[in-house]
């Protein structure tokens, strides 16, 4: 229940999609602050580090662009 309430608060206060707020809260509570997403703007507002799928693939394969 606590996670949903935090997500609702962030949704309301930060003007982001509820699902983004929920994912950010879950990431924070799980000890990971990294989120894979195309929508980095919302996660910056929520104080969570995010990377795009392309950035992840380049990092995982050891190449840079």
N, C-alpha and C. Protein backbone atom coordinates (compact mmCIF):
# COMPACT_ATOMS: atom_id res chain seq x y z
N UNK A 1 0.83 -1.19 0.00
CA UNK A 1 0.00 0.00 0.00
C UNK A 1 0.88 1.26 0.00
N UNK A 2 1.99 1.22 0.74
CA UNK A 2 2.87 2.38 0.85
C UNK A 2 3.44 2.80 -0.51
N UNK A 3 3.82 1.82 -1.32
CA UNK A 3 4.39 2.11 -2.63
C UNK A 3 3.35 2.79 -3.51
N UNK A 4 2.12 2.31 -3.49
CA UNK A 4 1.06 2.92 -4.30
C UNK A 4 0.78 4.35 -3.86
N UNK A 5 0.80 4.59 -2.55
CA UNK A 5 0.57 5.95 -2.06
C UNK A 5 1.70 6.89 -2.46
N UNK A 6 2.94 6.42 -2.37
CA UNK A 6 4.08 7.24 -2.81
C UNK A 6 3.98 7.53 -4.30
N UNK A 7 3.60 6.52 -5.08
CA UNK A 7 3.47 6.71 -6.52
C UNK A 7 2.36 7.71 -6.84
N UNK A 8 1.25 7.63 -6.13
CA UNK A 8 0.16 8.59 -6.34
C UNK A 8 0.60 10.00 -5.99
N UNK A 9 1.36 10.14 -4.92
CA UNK A 9 1.86 11.47 -4.54
C UNK A 9 2.78 12.02 -5.62
N UNK A 10 3.72 11.19 -6.10
CA UNK A 10 4.65 11.63 -7.14
C UNK A 10 3.90 11.94 -8.44
N UNK A 11 2.92 11.14 -8.78
CA UNK A 11 2.09 11.36 -9.96
C UNK A 11 1.44 12.74 -9.88
N UNK A 12 0.91 13.07 -8.74
CA UNK A 12 0.22 14.34 -8.55
C UNK A 12 1.20 15.52 -8.50
N UNK A 13 2.26 15.38 -7.75
CA UNK A 13 3.18 16.49 -7.52
C UNK A 13 4.14 16.73 -8.68
N UNK A 14 4.57 15.68 -9.37
CA UNK A 14 5.58 15.80 -10.41
C UNK A 14 5.00 15.85 -11.82
N UNK A 15 3.69 15.64 -11.94
CA UNK A 15 3.01 15.69 -13.24
C UNK A 15 3.63 14.73 -14.24
N UNK A 16 3.72 13.47 -13.81
CA UNK A 16 4.22 12.40 -14.67
C UNK A 16 3.14 11.33 -14.78
N UNK A 17 3.33 10.40 -15.69
CA UNK A 17 2.38 9.28 -15.80
C UNK A 17 2.43 8.45 -14.52
N UNK A 18 1.26 7.93 -14.12
CA UNK A 18 1.22 7.13 -12.88
C UNK A 18 2.16 5.94 -12.98
N UNK A 19 2.19 5.26 -14.12
CA UNK A 19 3.04 4.07 -14.22
C UNK A 19 4.51 4.43 -14.07
N UNK A 20 4.92 5.59 -14.58
CA UNK A 20 6.31 6.03 -14.40
C UNK A 20 6.59 6.29 -12.92
N UNK A 21 5.65 6.93 -12.24
CA UNK A 21 5.81 7.18 -10.81
C UNK A 21 5.90 5.87 -10.04
N UNK A 22 5.07 4.91 -10.40
CA UNK A 22 5.06 3.61 -9.73
C UNK A 22 6.38 2.87 -9.96
N UNK A 23 6.86 2.85 -11.19
CA UNK A 23 8.13 2.19 -11.50
C UNK A 23 9.28 2.85 -10.74
N UNK A 24 9.27 4.18 -10.67
CA UNK A 24 10.33 4.89 -9.96
C UNK A 24 10.33 4.53 -8.47
N UNK A 25 9.17 4.50 -7.87
CA UNK A 25 9.08 4.14 -6.45
C UNK A 25 9.52 2.70 -6.23
N UNK A 26 9.09 1.79 -7.10
CA UNK A 26 9.51 0.39 -6.98
C UNK A 26 11.03 0.27 -7.11
N UNK A 27 11.62 1.00 -8.04
CA UNK A 27 13.07 0.96 -8.22
C UNK A 27 13.77 1.45 -6.96
N UNK A 28 13.29 2.55 -6.39
CA UNK A 28 13.90 3.09 -5.18
C UNK A 28 13.80 2.10 -4.02
N UNK A 29 12.65 1.46 -3.88
CA UNK A 29 12.45 0.51 -2.78
C UNK A 29 13.21 -0.79 -2.97
N UNK A 30 13.55 -1.11 -4.21
CA UNK A 30 14.27 -2.36 -4.46
C UNK A 30 15.78 -2.18 -4.33
N UNK A 31 16.21 -0.93 -4.13
CA UNK A 31 17.64 -0.67 -4.00
C UNK A 31 18.30 -0.34 -5.33
N UNK A 32 17.53 -0.33 -6.38
CA UNK A 32 18.06 0.02 -7.70
C UNK A 32 17.45 1.34 -8.13
N UNK A 33 18.29 2.24 -8.59
CA UNK A 33 17.73 3.51 -9.06
C UNK A 33 17.88 3.65 -10.56
N UNK A 34 18.16 2.56 -11.24
CA UNK A 34 18.30 2.58 -12.69
C UNK A 34 17.04 2.02 -13.35
N UNK A 35 16.53 2.76 -14.34
CA UNK A 35 15.33 2.34 -15.05
C UNK A 35 15.62 2.40 -16.55
N UNK A 36 15.19 1.39 -17.26
CA UNK A 36 15.32 1.33 -18.71
C UNK A 36 14.04 1.90 -19.32
N UNK A 37 14.15 2.98 -20.08
CA UNK A 37 12.95 3.66 -20.60
C UNK A 37 13.28 4.54 -21.79
N UNK A 38 12.25 4.84 -22.58
CA UNK A 38 12.39 5.86 -23.62
C UNK A 38 12.05 7.23 -23.05
N UNK A 39 11.32 7.27 -21.94
CA UNK A 39 10.83 8.53 -21.38
C UNK A 39 11.72 8.99 -20.22
N UNK A 40 12.89 9.47 -20.53
CA UNK A 40 13.83 9.86 -19.48
C UNK A 40 13.38 11.12 -18.74
N UNK A 41 12.62 11.98 -19.39
CA UNK A 41 12.18 13.23 -18.78
C UNK A 41 11.41 12.98 -17.47
N UNK A 42 10.48 12.05 -17.49
CA UNK A 42 9.69 11.78 -16.29
C UNK A 42 10.56 11.22 -15.17
N UNK A 43 11.50 10.37 -15.51
CA UNK A 43 12.32 9.77 -14.46
C UNK A 43 13.31 10.76 -13.88
N UNK A 44 13.75 11.73 -14.67
CA UNK A 44 14.59 12.82 -14.12
C UNK A 44 13.79 13.60 -13.08
N UNK A 45 12.53 13.88 -13.38
CA UNK A 45 11.67 14.59 -12.43
C UNK A 45 11.52 13.82 -11.12
N UNK A 46 11.56 12.50 -11.24
CA UNK A 46 11.34 11.63 -10.08
C UNK A 46 12.64 11.29 -9.35
N UNK A 47 13.76 11.79 -9.84
CA UNK A 47 15.03 11.55 -9.17
C UNK A 47 15.59 10.16 -9.36
N UNK A 48 15.23 9.52 -10.47
CA UNK A 48 15.71 8.17 -10.76
C UNK A 48 16.55 8.22 -12.02
N UNK A 49 17.71 7.57 -11.97
CA UNK A 49 18.57 7.50 -13.15
C UNK A 49 17.94 6.58 -14.18
N UNK A 50 17.93 7.02 -15.42
CA UNK A 50 17.34 6.20 -16.47
C UNK A 50 18.27 6.15 -17.67
N UNK A 51 18.17 5.06 -18.41
CA UNK A 51 18.92 4.91 -19.65
C UNK A 51 17.96 4.40 -20.72
N UNK A 52 18.25 4.75 -21.96
CA UNK A 52 17.41 4.27 -23.06
C UNK A 52 17.83 2.86 -23.44
N UNK A 53 16.96 2.13 -24.14
CA UNK A 53 17.36 0.80 -24.60
C UNK A 53 18.63 0.84 -25.45
N UNK A 54 18.78 1.85 -26.30
CA UNK A 54 19.98 1.96 -27.12
C UNK A 54 21.24 2.13 -26.28
N UNK A 55 21.15 2.98 -25.25
CA UNK A 55 22.30 3.16 -24.35
C UNK A 55 22.64 1.86 -23.64
N UNK A 56 21.63 1.15 -23.22
CA UNK A 56 21.85 -0.13 -22.54
C UNK A 56 22.54 -1.13 -23.47
N UNK A 57 22.04 -1.22 -24.69
CA UNK A 57 22.64 -2.17 -25.64
C UNK A 57 24.09 -1.83 -25.95
N UNK A 58 24.39 -0.54 -26.11
CA UNK A 58 25.78 -0.14 -26.36
C UNK A 58 26.66 -0.46 -25.16
N UNK A 59 26.16 -0.23 -23.97
CA UNK A 59 26.92 -0.54 -22.75
C UNK A 59 27.12 -2.05 -22.60
N UNK A 60 26.06 -2.81 -22.84
CA UNK A 60 26.13 -4.25 -22.67
C UNK A 60 27.05 -4.89 -23.70
N UNK A 61 27.12 -4.31 -24.89
CA UNK A 61 27.97 -4.90 -25.93
C UNK A 61 29.39 -4.36 -25.90
N UNK A 62 29.62 -3.34 -25.04
CA UNK A 62 30.95 -2.79 -24.91
C UNK A 62 31.32 -1.80 -26.00
N UNK A 63 30.35 -1.33 -26.75
CA UNK A 63 30.63 -0.34 -27.79
C UNK A 63 30.06 1.01 -27.38
N UNK A 64 30.59 2.04 -27.97
CA UNK A 64 30.05 3.37 -27.72
C UNK A 64 29.79 4.06 -29.04
N UNK A 65 28.90 4.99 -29.03
CA UNK A 65 28.54 5.69 -30.26
C UNK A 65 28.99 7.11 -30.21
